[in-house]
N, C-alpha and C. Protein backbone atom coordinates (compact mmCIF):
# COMPACT_ATOMS: atom_id res chain seq x y z
N MET A 1 -3.98 -4.94 17.97
CA MET A 1 -5.11 -4.07 18.17
C MET A 1 -6.28 -4.00 17.18
N PHE A 2 -7.37 -4.33 18.05
CA PHE A 2 -8.79 -4.47 17.16
C PHE A 2 -9.24 -3.08 17.12
N ILE A 3 -10.07 -2.72 15.99
CA ILE A 3 -10.49 -1.58 15.44
C ILE A 3 -12.16 -1.78 15.98
N SER A 4 -12.15 -0.58 16.97
CA SER A 4 -13.53 -0.38 17.37
C SER A 4 -14.50 -0.28 16.62
N PRO A 5 -15.81 -0.74 16.73
CA PRO A 5 -16.78 -0.90 15.69
C PRO A 5 -17.59 0.69 15.48
N ASN A 6 -17.36 1.49 16.32
CA ASN A 6 -18.09 2.67 16.51
C ASN A 6 -17.58 3.79 15.98
N PRO A 7 -16.53 3.91 15.35
CA PRO A 7 -16.05 5.27 14.63
C PRO A 7 -16.93 5.08 13.26
N PRO A 8 -17.48 6.34 12.82
CA PRO A 8 -17.75 6.39 11.71
C PRO A 8 -16.70 6.30 10.59
N PRO A 9 -17.04 5.28 9.49
CA PRO A 9 -16.24 5.52 8.31
C PRO A 9 -15.34 7.11 8.04
N LEU A 10 -14.36 6.69 7.59
CA LEU A 10 -13.56 7.99 7.33
C LEU A 10 -13.84 8.55 5.59
N ASP A 11 -13.96 9.67 5.62
CA ASP A 11 -14.25 10.38 4.16
C ASP A 11 -12.75 10.56 3.33
N LYS A 12 -12.52 9.71 2.72
CA LYS A 12 -11.22 9.51 2.22
C LYS A 12 -11.11 10.63 1.25
N ASP A 13 -11.98 10.72 0.53
CA ASP A 13 -11.98 11.79 -0.62
C ASP A 13 -11.51 13.36 -0.22
N ALA A 14 -12.03 13.53 0.77
CA ALA A 14 -11.77 14.85 1.51
C ALA A 14 -10.22 14.70 2.23
N LEU A 15 -10.03 13.71 3.07
CA LEU A 15 -9.02 13.42 3.86
C LEU A 15 -7.50 13.17 2.66
N ILE A 16 -7.82 12.31 1.67
CA ILE A 16 -6.59 12.22 0.61
C ILE A 16 -7.07 12.69 -0.59
N GLY A 17 -8.05 12.71 -1.56
CA GLY A 17 -8.26 12.87 -2.41
C GLY A 17 -8.04 11.53 -3.50
N ALA A 18 -7.29 11.06 -4.25
CA ALA A 18 -6.94 9.81 -5.03
C ALA A 18 -5.55 9.62 -4.33
N CYS A 19 -4.47 10.19 -4.62
CA CYS A 19 -3.46 9.87 -3.88
C CYS A 19 -2.70 11.07 -3.43
N ALA A 20 -2.11 11.02 -2.39
CA ALA A 20 -1.36 12.35 -1.69
C ALA A 20 -0.21 11.74 -1.11
N ARG A 21 0.93 12.91 -1.24
CA ARG A 21 2.27 12.40 -1.06
C ARG A 21 2.59 13.24 0.04
N LEU A 22 2.92 12.54 1.51
CA LEU A 22 2.64 13.47 2.80
C LEU A 22 4.39 13.88 2.58
N PRO A 23 4.59 15.06 3.87
CA PRO A 23 5.82 15.60 3.60
C PRO A 23 6.43 15.13 4.77
N LEU A 24 7.07 13.76 4.11
CA LEU A 24 7.80 13.36 4.91
C LEU A 24 9.18 12.72 3.45
N ALA A 25 10.27 12.65 4.34
CA ALA A 25 10.95 11.31 3.63
C ALA A 25 11.80 10.55 4.31
N ILE A 26 11.87 9.54 3.68
CA ILE A 26 12.85 8.15 4.70
C ILE A 26 14.17 7.97 3.89
N ASP A 27 14.86 7.43 4.59
CA ASP A 27 16.19 6.93 3.93
C ASP A 27 16.37 5.71 2.67
N ALA A 28 15.93 5.86 1.61
CA ALA A 28 15.49 4.70 0.40
C ALA A 28 16.62 3.89 0.53
N THR A 29 17.61 4.50 0.65
CA THR A 29 18.89 3.37 0.59
C THR A 29 19.06 1.98 1.77
N ARG A 30 18.51 2.77 2.96
CA ARG A 30 18.72 1.98 4.01
C ARG A 30 17.59 0.94 4.09
N LEU A 31 16.20 1.25 3.52
CA LEU A 31 15.02 0.62 3.57
C LEU A 31 15.12 -0.63 2.67
N ARG A 32 15.60 -0.44 1.71
CA ARG A 32 16.07 -1.22 0.38
C ARG A 32 17.13 -2.12 0.85
N ALA A 33 17.87 -1.77 1.59
CA ALA A 33 19.23 -2.82 1.95
C ALA A 33 18.50 -3.97 2.60
N GLU A 34 17.65 -3.60 3.81
CA GLU A 34 16.95 -4.46 4.81
C GLU A 34 15.89 -5.12 4.01
N VAL A 35 15.07 -4.63 3.22
CA VAL A 35 14.56 -5.67 2.12
C VAL A 35 15.09 -6.51 1.34
N ASP A 36 16.27 -5.88 0.72
CA ASP A 36 16.97 -7.17 -0.11
C ASP A 36 17.51 -8.10 0.67
N ALA A 37 17.68 -7.78 2.02
CA ALA A 37 18.49 -9.17 2.73
C ALA A 37 17.51 -10.01 3.34
N LEU A 38 16.23 -9.87 3.33
CA LEU A 38 15.25 -10.91 3.42
C LEU A 38 15.51 -12.08 2.81
N PRO A 39 15.43 -13.44 3.32
CA PRO A 39 15.59 -14.73 2.99
C PRO A 39 14.84 -14.56 1.81
N GLU A 40 14.98 -15.24 0.61
CA GLU A 40 14.00 -15.16 -0.98
C GLU A 40 13.00 -16.10 -0.69
N SER A 41 13.00 -17.28 0.44
CA SER A 41 11.95 -18.19 0.50
C SER A 41 10.81 -17.10 1.52
N MET A 42 10.78 -16.37 1.96
CA MET A 42 9.61 -15.33 2.54
C MET A 42 9.03 -14.91 1.43
N TRP A 43 9.30 -14.81 0.47
CA TRP A 43 8.47 -14.27 -0.94
C TRP A 43 7.95 -15.26 -1.80
N GLU A 44 8.04 -16.50 -1.37
CA GLU A 44 7.31 -17.78 -1.99
C GLU A 44 5.57 -17.82 -2.03
N THR A 45 5.12 -16.81 -1.34
CA THR A 45 3.50 -17.27 -1.29
C THR A 45 2.97 -15.41 -1.76
N ARG A 46 1.67 -15.67 -1.75
CA ARG A 46 0.87 -14.24 -1.79
C ARG A 46 0.46 -13.73 -0.47
N GLY A 47 1.30 -14.33 0.76
CA GLY A 47 0.54 -14.14 2.07
C GLY A 47 -0.60 -14.20 2.32
N GLY A 48 -1.26 -15.09 1.46
CA GLY A 48 -2.86 -15.12 2.00
C GLY A 48 -3.66 -14.23 1.12
N ARG A 49 -3.19 -13.17 0.20
CA ARG A 49 -3.86 -12.33 -0.39
C ARG A 49 -4.50 -12.94 -1.66
N LEU A 50 -5.65 -12.62 -1.93
CA LEU A 50 -6.47 -13.13 -3.04
C LEU A 50 -6.82 -12.41 -4.11
N GLY A 51 -7.72 -12.75 -5.21
CA GLY A 51 -8.26 -11.88 -6.01
C GLY A 51 -7.32 -10.94 -6.86
N PRO A 52 -7.52 -9.86 -6.79
CA PRO A 52 -6.85 -8.89 -7.82
C PRO A 52 -5.24 -8.79 -7.51
N HIS A 53 -4.92 -9.54 -6.38
CA HIS A 53 -3.47 -9.50 -5.85
C HIS A 53 -2.68 -11.04 -6.40
N ASP A 54 -3.38 -11.63 -7.12
CA ASP A 54 -3.17 -13.01 -7.56
C ASP A 54 -1.64 -12.94 -8.25
N ALA A 55 -0.93 -12.17 -8.80
CA ALA A 55 0.33 -12.08 -9.43
C ALA A 55 1.32 -11.44 -8.66
N ALA A 56 0.86 -10.99 -7.38
CA ALA A 56 1.92 -10.17 -6.42
C ALA A 56 2.48 -11.52 -5.35
N ARG A 57 3.75 -11.27 -4.75
CA ARG A 57 4.11 -11.91 -3.65
C ARG A 57 4.12 -11.18 -2.35
N ALA A 58 3.75 -11.72 -1.31
CA ALA A 58 3.49 -10.83 -0.16
C ALA A 58 4.52 -11.43 1.34
N VAL A 59 4.82 -10.52 2.01
CA VAL A 59 5.55 -10.58 3.04
C VAL A 59 4.80 -9.82 4.24
N PHE A 60 4.08 -10.45 5.01
CA PHE A 60 3.31 -9.44 6.47
C PHE A 60 3.93 -9.17 7.30
N LEU A 61 4.19 -8.18 7.53
CA LEU A 61 4.97 -7.54 9.24
C LEU A 61 4.07 -7.65 10.16
N ARG A 62 2.88 -7.26 9.83
CA ARG A 62 1.71 -7.13 11.15
C ARG A 62 0.47 -7.78 10.58
N GLY A 63 -0.13 -8.37 11.50
CA GLY A 63 -1.38 -8.88 10.79
C GLY A 63 -1.50 -10.08 9.81
N TYR A 64 -2.97 -10.15 9.43
CA TYR A 64 -2.63 -11.14 8.12
C TYR A 64 -3.59 -10.90 7.07
N ALA A 65 -3.55 -11.15 5.97
CA ALA A 65 -4.40 -11.14 4.95
C ALA A 65 -5.94 -11.72 5.43
N PRO A 66 -6.96 -10.49 4.71
CA PRO A 66 -8.24 -10.91 5.44
C PRO A 66 -8.75 -12.37 5.04
N ALA A 67 -8.38 -12.89 4.18
CA ALA A 67 -8.82 -14.28 4.19
C ALA A 67 -8.26 -15.22 5.25
N GLU A 68 -6.95 -14.83 5.87
CA GLU A 68 -6.55 -15.46 6.76
C GLU A 68 -6.79 -15.05 8.12
N GLY A 69 -7.10 -13.60 8.39
CA GLY A 69 -6.72 -13.29 9.66
C GLY A 69 -8.18 -12.91 10.65
N ARG A 70 -9.19 -13.41 10.14
CA ARG A 70 -10.66 -13.74 10.60
C ARG A 70 -10.36 -14.28 11.92
N GLY A 71 -10.51 -13.11 13.03
CA GLY A 71 -10.50 -13.76 14.55
C GLY A 71 -9.19 -13.43 15.20
N LYS A 72 -8.16 -13.35 14.41
CA LYS A 72 -6.81 -13.14 14.66
C LYS A 72 -6.20 -11.78 15.09
N PRO A 73 -5.71 -11.44 16.41
CA PRO A 73 -5.36 -10.23 16.59
C PRO A 73 -4.49 -9.65 15.49
N ILE A 74 -4.60 -8.18 15.36
CA ILE A 74 -3.33 -7.77 14.70
C ILE A 74 -1.95 -7.44 15.58
N GLU A 75 -1.05 -8.09 14.98
CA GLU A 75 0.17 -8.10 15.94
C GLU A 75 1.27 -8.19 15.08
N ASP A 76 2.54 -7.81 15.69
CA ASP A 76 3.57 -8.07 14.74
C ASP A 76 4.07 -9.61 14.33
N ARG A 77 4.56 -9.52 13.04
CA ARG A 77 4.83 -11.35 12.55
C ARG A 77 6.42 -10.95 12.61
N GLU A 78 6.87 -12.44 12.27
CA GLU A 78 8.37 -12.71 12.49
C GLU A 78 8.95 -11.81 11.52
N ALA A 79 8.62 -11.54 10.34
CA ALA A 79 9.24 -10.79 9.26
C ALA A 79 9.79 -9.49 9.87
N LEU A 80 8.91 -8.76 10.68
CA LEU A 80 9.15 -7.33 11.28
C LEU A 80 10.67 -7.41 12.13
N ALA A 81 10.91 -8.48 12.86
CA ALA A 81 11.89 -8.16 13.41
C ALA A 81 13.59 -8.42 12.79
N LEU A 82 13.34 -8.53 11.41
CA LEU A 82 14.60 -8.50 10.31
C LEU A 82 14.76 -7.33 9.79
N LEU A 83 13.73 -6.45 10.17
CA LEU A 83 13.51 -4.94 9.61
C LEU A 83 13.60 -3.98 10.50
N PRO A 84 14.58 -3.52 11.22
CA PRO A 84 14.56 -2.46 12.17
C PRO A 84 14.12 -0.96 11.60
N TYR A 85 14.43 -0.78 10.34
CA TYR A 85 14.29 0.78 9.72
C TYR A 85 12.91 0.75 9.58
N ALA A 86 12.09 -0.50 8.92
CA ALA A 86 10.98 -0.69 8.28
C ALA A 86 9.97 -0.38 9.72
N ARG A 87 10.42 -0.97 10.63
CA ARG A 87 9.65 -0.94 11.82
C ARG A 87 9.75 0.66 12.44
N GLU A 88 10.83 1.23 12.23
CA GLU A 88 10.39 2.64 12.76
C GLU A 88 9.75 3.52 12.06
N ILE A 89 9.92 3.26 10.69
CA ILE A 89 8.76 3.65 9.67
C ILE A 89 7.37 3.76 10.13
N ILE A 90 7.26 2.47 10.37
CA ILE A 90 5.75 1.95 10.87
C ILE A 90 5.62 2.52 11.98
N THR A 91 6.32 2.43 13.10
CA THR A 91 5.69 2.64 14.88
C THR A 91 6.23 4.16 15.00
N GLN A 92 6.90 5.02 14.38
CA GLN A 92 7.29 6.30 14.89
C GLN A 92 7.04 7.31 13.87
N MET A 93 7.45 6.88 12.60
CA MET A 93 6.96 8.17 11.43
C MET A 93 5.64 8.97 11.27
N LEU A 94 4.83 7.82 11.17
CA LEU A 94 3.21 8.04 11.06
C LEU A 94 2.73 8.57 12.16
N GLN A 95 2.97 8.06 13.39
CA GLN A 95 2.62 8.75 14.56
C GLN A 95 1.08 8.50 14.81
N ALA A 96 0.84 7.10 14.44
CA ALA A 96 -0.68 6.51 14.35
C ALA A 96 -0.49 5.24 14.62
N SER A 97 -1.44 4.39 14.84
CA SER A 97 -1.39 3.10 15.42
C SER A 97 -1.62 2.09 14.07
N PRO A 98 -0.73 1.39 13.88
CA PRO A 98 -0.19 0.47 12.68
C PRO A 98 -1.22 -0.41 12.81
N GLN A 99 -2.04 -1.08 11.85
CA GLN A 99 -2.72 -2.12 11.65
C GLN A 99 -1.99 -3.15 10.71
N ARG A 100 -2.79 -3.51 9.56
CA ARG A 100 -1.78 -4.74 8.90
C ARG A 100 -0.95 -3.93 8.15
N CYS A 101 0.16 -4.65 8.12
CA CYS A 101 1.33 -4.14 7.13
C CYS A 101 1.85 -5.06 6.49
N LEU A 102 2.62 -4.87 5.12
CA LEU A 102 3.33 -6.13 4.32
C LEU A 102 4.09 -5.20 3.39
N LEU A 103 5.09 -6.49 2.81
CA LEU A 103 5.82 -5.90 1.81
C LEU A 103 5.07 -6.58 0.69
N ALA A 104 4.95 -6.02 -0.40
CA ALA A 104 4.07 -6.47 -1.70
C ALA A 104 5.34 -6.04 -2.91
N ARG A 105 5.16 -7.66 -3.28
CA ARG A 105 6.68 -7.36 -4.67
C ARG A 105 5.37 -7.75 -5.75
N LEU A 106 5.45 -6.77 -6.96
CA LEU A 106 4.47 -7.12 -8.16
C LEU A 106 5.83 -7.26 -9.22
N PRO A 107 5.88 -8.55 -9.92
CA PRO A 107 6.68 -9.10 -10.89
C PRO A 107 6.71 -7.99 -11.90
N ALA A 108 7.74 -8.34 -12.76
CA ALA A 108 8.02 -7.43 -14.11
C ALA A 108 6.63 -7.92 -14.95
N GLY A 109 6.16 -6.86 -15.56
CA GLY A 109 5.16 -7.08 -16.45
C GLY A 109 3.71 -7.33 -15.86
N ALA A 110 3.57 -7.40 -14.69
CA ALA A 110 2.25 -7.74 -13.86
C ALA A 110 1.75 -6.63 -13.48
N THR A 111 0.22 -7.03 -13.36
CA THR A 111 -0.79 -6.16 -13.19
C THR A 111 -1.33 -6.38 -11.58
N VAL A 112 -1.91 -5.27 -11.12
CA VAL A 112 -2.96 -5.76 -9.91
C VAL A 112 -4.19 -4.94 -10.66
N PRO A 113 -5.19 -5.87 -10.88
CA PRO A 113 -6.17 -5.03 -11.71
C PRO A 113 -7.09 -4.06 -10.70
N PRO A 114 -8.11 -3.01 -11.59
CA PRO A 114 -8.89 -2.23 -11.11
C PRO A 114 -9.84 -3.05 -9.78
N HIS A 115 -9.92 -2.35 -8.69
CA HIS A 115 -10.57 -3.15 -7.75
C HIS A 115 -10.92 -1.70 -6.52
N SER A 116 -11.76 -2.14 -5.77
CA SER A 116 -11.63 -1.31 -4.55
C SER A 116 -11.65 -2.22 -2.95
N ASP A 117 -11.29 -1.32 -2.44
CA ASP A 117 -11.10 -2.06 -0.75
C ASP A 117 -12.09 -1.65 0.20
N ASN A 118 -13.12 -2.30 -0.02
CA ASN A 118 -14.75 -2.17 0.99
C ASN A 118 -14.79 -3.09 2.43
N GLY A 119 -15.50 -2.56 3.19
CA GLY A 119 -15.79 -3.08 4.58
C GLY A 119 -15.46 -2.29 5.33
N PRO A 120 -15.84 -2.49 6.91
CA PRO A 120 -15.27 -1.64 7.90
C PRO A 120 -14.20 -1.55 8.13
N TYR A 121 -13.16 -2.37 7.97
CA TYR A 121 -11.94 -2.28 8.37
C TYR A 121 -11.21 -1.31 7.31
N PHE A 122 -11.42 -1.49 6.12
CA PHE A 122 -10.90 -0.33 5.12
C PHE A 122 -11.52 1.08 5.14
N HIS A 123 -12.69 0.94 5.64
CA HIS A 123 -13.34 2.65 5.90
C HIS A 123 -12.93 3.02 7.05
N LYS A 124 -12.15 2.19 7.98
CA LYS A 124 -11.71 2.92 9.14
C LYS A 124 -10.16 3.10 9.10
N THR A 125 -9.64 2.77 8.23
CA THR A 125 -7.95 2.88 8.08
C THR A 125 -7.63 3.69 7.05
N ILE A 126 -6.09 4.41 7.29
CA ILE A 126 -5.70 4.94 6.10
C ILE A 126 -4.71 4.35 5.45
N ARG A 127 -4.53 4.08 4.13
CA ARG A 127 -3.47 3.06 3.47
C ARG A 127 -2.27 4.08 3.34
N ILE A 128 -1.37 3.52 3.71
CA ILE A 128 -0.09 4.17 3.34
C ILE A 128 0.70 3.20 2.62
N HIS A 129 1.19 4.05 1.27
CA HIS A 129 2.55 3.38 0.55
C HIS A 129 3.94 3.86 0.74
N VAL A 130 4.81 3.01 0.60
CA VAL A 130 6.15 3.21 0.92
C VAL A 130 6.81 2.85 -0.31
N PRO A 131 7.32 3.32 -1.35
CA PRO A 131 8.10 2.37 -2.16
C PRO A 131 9.46 2.17 -1.80
N VAL A 132 9.79 1.22 -1.89
CA VAL A 132 11.02 0.53 -1.54
C VAL A 132 12.06 0.15 -2.61
N ILE A 133 11.44 -0.51 -3.71
CA ILE A 133 11.99 -0.92 -4.99
C ILE A 133 11.34 -0.72 -5.96
N THR A 134 11.45 0.40 -7.19
CA THR A 134 10.61 0.65 -7.75
C THR A 134 11.22 1.39 -9.15
N HIS A 135 10.68 1.86 -10.47
CA HIS A 135 11.07 2.53 -11.09
C HIS A 135 10.35 3.36 -11.85
N GLU A 136 10.67 3.75 -13.44
CA GLU A 136 10.03 4.94 -13.47
C GLU A 136 8.84 4.44 -14.61
N LYS A 137 8.64 3.05 -14.43
CA LYS A 137 7.62 2.19 -15.31
C LYS A 137 6.60 1.74 -14.59
N VAL A 138 6.41 2.15 -13.37
CA VAL A 138 5.42 1.50 -12.69
C VAL A 138 4.21 2.73 -12.29
N TRP A 139 3.25 2.19 -12.32
CA TRP A 139 1.96 2.90 -12.52
C TRP A 139 1.19 2.98 -11.60
N MET A 140 0.71 3.69 -10.81
CA MET A 140 -0.14 3.46 -9.57
C MET A 140 -1.77 4.35 -10.40
N TYR A 141 -2.49 3.50 -10.54
CA TYR A 141 -4.21 4.10 -10.95
C TYR A 141 -4.67 4.26 -9.98
N CYS A 142 -5.54 5.64 -9.57
CA CYS A 142 -6.48 5.67 -8.64
C CYS A 142 -7.32 6.93 -9.05
N ASP A 143 -8.51 6.18 -9.28
CA ASP A 143 -9.86 7.55 -9.49
C ASP A 143 -9.69 8.19 -10.54
N GLY A 144 -8.94 7.27 -11.56
CA GLY A 144 -9.07 8.15 -12.86
C GLY A 144 -7.50 8.69 -13.20
N ARG A 145 -6.93 8.94 -12.30
CA ARG A 145 -5.27 9.53 -12.54
C ARG A 145 -4.08 8.36 -12.60
N VAL A 146 -3.00 8.66 -12.82
CA VAL A 146 -1.93 7.49 -12.94
C VAL A 146 -1.03 8.46 -12.12
N TYR A 147 -0.13 7.73 -11.24
CA TYR A 147 0.96 8.18 -10.30
C TYR A 147 2.04 7.47 -10.37
N ASN A 148 3.36 7.89 -10.43
CA ASN A 148 4.79 7.50 -10.40
C ASN A 148 5.20 7.66 -9.05
N MET A 149 5.23 6.89 -8.04
CA MET A 149 5.61 6.90 -6.53
C MET A 149 7.33 6.44 -6.44
N ARG A 150 8.00 7.20 -6.27
CA ARG A 150 9.51 7.08 -6.03
C ARG A 150 10.22 6.79 -4.41
N PRO A 151 11.27 6.26 -4.60
CA PRO A 151 11.67 5.54 -3.55
C PRO A 151 12.25 6.97 -2.40
N GLY A 152 12.19 6.82 -1.18
CA GLY A 152 12.16 8.05 -0.36
C GLY A 152 11.06 8.70 -0.26
N GLU A 153 9.74 8.35 -0.81
CA GLU A 153 8.75 9.12 -0.74
C GLU A 153 7.53 8.09 0.00
N ILE A 154 6.74 8.97 0.95
CA ILE A 154 5.57 8.36 1.63
C ILE A 154 4.06 8.76 1.16
N TRP A 155 3.35 7.80 0.61
CA TRP A 155 2.21 8.09 -0.28
C TRP A 155 0.73 7.60 0.99
N ALA A 156 -0.05 8.49 0.55
CA ALA A 156 -1.63 7.87 1.22
C ALA A 156 -2.22 7.46 -0.10
N LEU A 157 -2.86 6.68 -0.03
CA LEU A 157 -3.93 6.20 -1.23
C LEU A 157 -5.33 5.89 -0.78
N ASN A 158 -5.89 6.21 -1.55
CA ASN A 158 -7.39 6.15 -1.29
C ASN A 158 -8.19 4.91 -1.68
N ASN A 159 -7.85 3.69 -1.15
CA ASN A 159 -8.18 2.63 -1.31
C ASN A 159 -9.53 2.24 -1.54
N ASN A 160 -10.47 3.11 -0.92
CA ASN A 160 -11.92 3.01 -1.25
C ASN A 160 -12.17 3.40 -2.62
N ALA A 161 -11.41 3.82 -3.42
CA ALA A 161 -11.76 4.36 -4.69
C ALA A 161 -11.06 3.02 -5.49
N GLU A 162 -11.27 3.10 -6.84
CA GLU A 162 -11.05 2.43 -8.01
C GLU A 162 -9.50 2.61 -7.64
N HIS A 163 -8.40 1.50 -7.84
CA HIS A 163 -7.24 1.46 -8.11
C HIS A 163 -6.43 0.47 -8.67
N ALA A 164 -5.52 0.62 -9.01
CA ALA A 164 -4.84 -0.52 -9.99
C ALA A 164 -3.31 -0.10 -10.22
N VAL A 165 -2.55 -1.20 -10.33
CA VAL A 165 -1.19 -0.83 -10.55
C VAL A 165 -0.73 -1.56 -12.13
N TRP A 166 -0.09 -1.22 -12.54
CA TRP A 166 0.77 -1.67 -13.73
C TRP A 166 2.28 -1.71 -13.64
N ASN A 167 2.81 -2.76 -13.60
CA ASN A 167 4.52 -2.77 -13.68
C ASN A 167 4.94 -3.04 -15.15
N GLU A 168 5.14 -1.78 -15.73
CA GLU A 168 4.88 -2.03 -17.32
C GLU A 168 6.45 -2.80 -17.91
N ASP A 169 7.54 -2.49 -16.93
CA ASP A 169 8.72 -2.99 -17.48
C ASP A 169 8.90 -4.57 -17.65
N ALA A 170 9.88 -4.82 -18.52
CA ALA A 170 9.82 -6.41 -18.73
C ALA A 170 10.66 -6.95 -17.87
N VAL A 171 11.39 -6.47 -17.13
CA VAL A 171 12.66 -7.03 -16.30
C VAL A 171 12.28 -6.78 -14.94
N ARG A 172 11.95 -5.69 -14.67
CA ARG A 172 12.44 -5.09 -12.93
C ARG A 172 10.89 -5.26 -12.07
N ALA A 173 11.24 -5.94 -11.13
CA ALA A 173 9.96 -6.08 -10.14
C ALA A 173 9.85 -4.69 -9.45
N ARG A 174 8.64 -4.48 -8.85
CA ARG A 174 8.32 -3.40 -7.73
C ARG A 174 7.76 -3.68 -6.50
N THR A 175 8.48 -3.58 -5.28
CA THR A 175 8.08 -3.61 -3.97
C THR A 175 7.85 -2.51 -3.35
N HIS A 176 6.65 -2.55 -2.49
CA HIS A 176 6.27 -1.24 -1.76
C HIS A 176 5.92 -1.89 -0.43
N LEU A 177 6.23 -0.95 0.54
CA LEU A 177 5.87 -1.40 2.27
C LEU A 177 4.34 -0.83 2.20
N ILE A 178 3.71 -1.35 2.32
CA ILE A 178 2.04 -1.05 2.72
C ILE A 178 1.50 -1.07 3.87
N CYS A 179 1.17 -0.36 4.67
CA CYS A 179 0.62 -0.08 5.87
C CYS A 179 -0.83 0.33 6.21
N ASP A 180 -1.74 -0.12 6.78
CA ASP A 180 -2.70 0.93 7.46
C ASP A 180 -2.61 1.50 8.47
N PHE A 181 -3.27 2.55 8.63
CA PHE A 181 -3.39 3.27 10.23
C PHE A 181 -4.67 3.52 10.63
N LEU A 182 -4.97 3.62 12.16
CA LEU A 182 -6.18 4.43 12.31
C LEU A 182 -5.69 5.87 12.46
N PRO A 183 -6.71 6.76 12.28
CA PRO A 183 -6.43 7.95 12.22
C PRO A 183 -5.84 8.70 13.58
N ALA A 184 -5.16 9.49 13.47
CA ALA A 184 -4.83 10.01 14.63
C ALA A 184 -4.04 11.41 14.36
N PRO A 185 -4.29 12.40 14.94
CA PRO A 185 -4.03 13.93 14.92
C PRO A 185 -2.92 14.24 14.21
N ALA A 186 -1.52 13.25 14.42
CA ALA A 186 -0.44 13.76 13.70
C ALA A 186 -0.69 13.25 12.31
N LEU A 187 -0.99 12.12 11.92
CA LEU A 187 -1.37 11.48 10.63
C LEU A 187 -2.01 12.49 9.86
N LEU A 188 -3.12 12.96 10.48
CA LEU A 188 -4.65 13.76 10.07
C LEU A 188 -3.51 14.98 9.53
N ASP A 189 -2.78 15.52 10.51
CA ASP A 189 -1.80 17.11 10.24
C ASP A 189 -1.10 16.48 9.09
N LEU A 190 -0.49 15.52 8.68
CA LEU A 190 0.27 15.05 7.67
C LEU A 190 -0.51 15.16 6.26
N LEU A 191 -1.45 14.74 6.36
CA LEU A 191 -2.59 14.23 5.43
C LEU A 191 -2.99 15.84 4.92
N GLY A 192 -3.41 16.78 5.97
CA GLY A 192 -3.87 18.12 5.75
C GLY A 192 -2.53 18.85 4.96
N ARG A 193 -1.28 18.57 5.17
CA ARG A 193 -0.05 19.15 4.33
C ARG A 193 0.22 18.49 3.17
N ALA A 194 -0.38 17.48 2.94
CA ALA A 194 0.09 16.60 1.61
C ALA A 194 0.14 17.11 0.46
N GLU A 195 0.74 16.75 -0.54
CA GLU A 195 0.56 17.47 -1.79
C GLU A 195 -0.10 16.36 -2.68
N ARG A 196 -1.25 17.19 -3.25
CA ARG A 196 -2.42 16.67 -4.06
C ARG A 196 -2.13 17.10 -5.55
N ASP A 197 -2.80 16.48 -6.61
CA ASP A 197 -2.72 17.03 -7.66
C ASP A 197 -1.51 16.51 -8.42
N LEU A 198 -0.88 15.48 -7.93
CA LEU A 198 0.47 14.82 -8.84
C LEU A 198 0.02 14.24 -9.67
N GLY A 199 -1.13 13.52 -9.72
CA GLY A 199 -1.31 12.53 -10.86
C GLY A 199 -1.79 13.02 -12.37
N ALA A 200 -1.78 12.32 -13.22
CA ALA A 200 -2.13 12.66 -14.75
C ALA A 200 -3.14 11.85 -15.31
N VAL A 201 -3.76 12.37 -16.08
CA VAL A 201 -4.69 11.39 -17.01
C VAL A 201 -4.00 11.06 -18.05
N ASP A 202 -3.47 9.67 -18.23
CA ASP A 202 -2.98 9.04 -19.02
C ASP A 202 -3.86 8.07 -19.71
N ALA A 203 -4.41 8.04 -21.21
CA ALA A 203 -5.43 6.91 -21.56
C ALA A 203 -4.74 6.01 -21.84
N ARG A 204 -3.40 5.66 -22.13
CA ARG A 204 -3.15 4.65 -22.51
C ARG A 204 -2.91 3.72 -21.19
N ILE A 205 -2.30 4.14 -20.33
CA ILE A 205 -2.25 3.51 -18.96
C ILE A 205 -3.82 3.22 -18.45
N ALA A 206 -4.67 3.85 -18.48
CA ALA A 206 -6.06 3.85 -17.91
C ALA A 206 -6.60 2.81 -18.95
N GLN A 207 -6.34 2.54 -20.10
CA GLN A 207 -7.16 1.66 -21.06
C GLN A 207 -6.48 -0.05 -20.73
N ARG A 208 -4.88 0.11 -20.49
CA ARG A 208 -4.39 -1.10 -20.58
C ARG A 208 -5.17 -1.67 -19.14
N LEU A 209 -4.97 -0.91 -17.95
CA LEU A 209 -5.54 -1.29 -16.54
C LEU A 209 -7.43 -1.54 -16.89
N LEU A 210 -8.08 -0.85 -17.46
CA LEU A 210 -9.57 -1.08 -17.16
C LEU A 210 -9.67 -2.17 -18.00
N ALA A 211 -8.82 -2.61 -19.04
CA ALA A 211 -9.24 -3.73 -20.08
C ALA A 211 -9.37 -5.00 -18.94
N GLU A 212 -8.86 -4.86 -18.02
CA GLU A 212 -8.57 -6.12 -16.99
C GLU A 212 -9.51 -5.61 -15.64
N ASN A 213 -10.52 -4.85 -15.97
CA ASN A 213 -11.43 -4.46 -14.95
C ASN A 213 -11.97 -5.88 -14.45
N THR A 214 -11.91 -5.88 -12.81
CA THR A 214 -12.59 -7.17 -12.25
C THR A 214 -13.26 -6.52 -11.19
N ALA A 215 -14.56 -5.98 -11.43
CA ALA A 215 -15.09 -5.13 -10.40
C ALA A 215 -15.83 -5.83 -9.43
N GLY A 216 -15.81 -7.29 -9.46
CA GLY A 216 -16.01 -8.04 -8.44
C GLY A 216 -15.28 -8.37 -7.17
N TYR A 217 -13.88 -7.93 -7.55
CA TYR A 217 -13.00 -8.16 -6.42
C TYR A 217 -13.38 -6.87 -5.36
N ALA A 218 -12.88 -6.99 -4.20
CA ALA A 218 -13.31 -6.30 -3.04
C ALA A 218 -12.14 -6.38 -2.19
């Protein structure tokens, strides 16, 4: 599905704030089992993602990274057929039209430096994060606050704001299902009932990430 050029940019500050936890829950064990069963060969590249995502590995489930996707339709990729529960989450739970969707693995000790996502696509879609494999030392930073997202939860992220990730653990990786959606009444209703103000100000984490500030990335 292509995005119409006509809708105005979304006011994500009003819709989401920085990060908001949706009033939904998933079967974290089932989702992790599906992802764990993917062939390791699928994780060998960044999936075409560039810039601040250099450290991460990616498996695209729908669409392509911006660097590879110009002119290509946003449609299901081969890997999605191996993940029936992920497909259910993407196509049914959010009740909105999915756009680009991927699994992103951030290795132990790695960061996604501070950046913001700009351009027509990012201003007209809502970014959803579903933690798949994570732990207590993964820090999502957005708009000055730090969040710890747990398996079983679904979060909206204001990716127009400056955001970053730090996997502080020396051994364990972090994997999220990340999907963009066009706004729809059901999804907007979920955002209206979402929990906000769950982040904390943490100078140590902020300083660690902001030391890698890469404002040129988009």
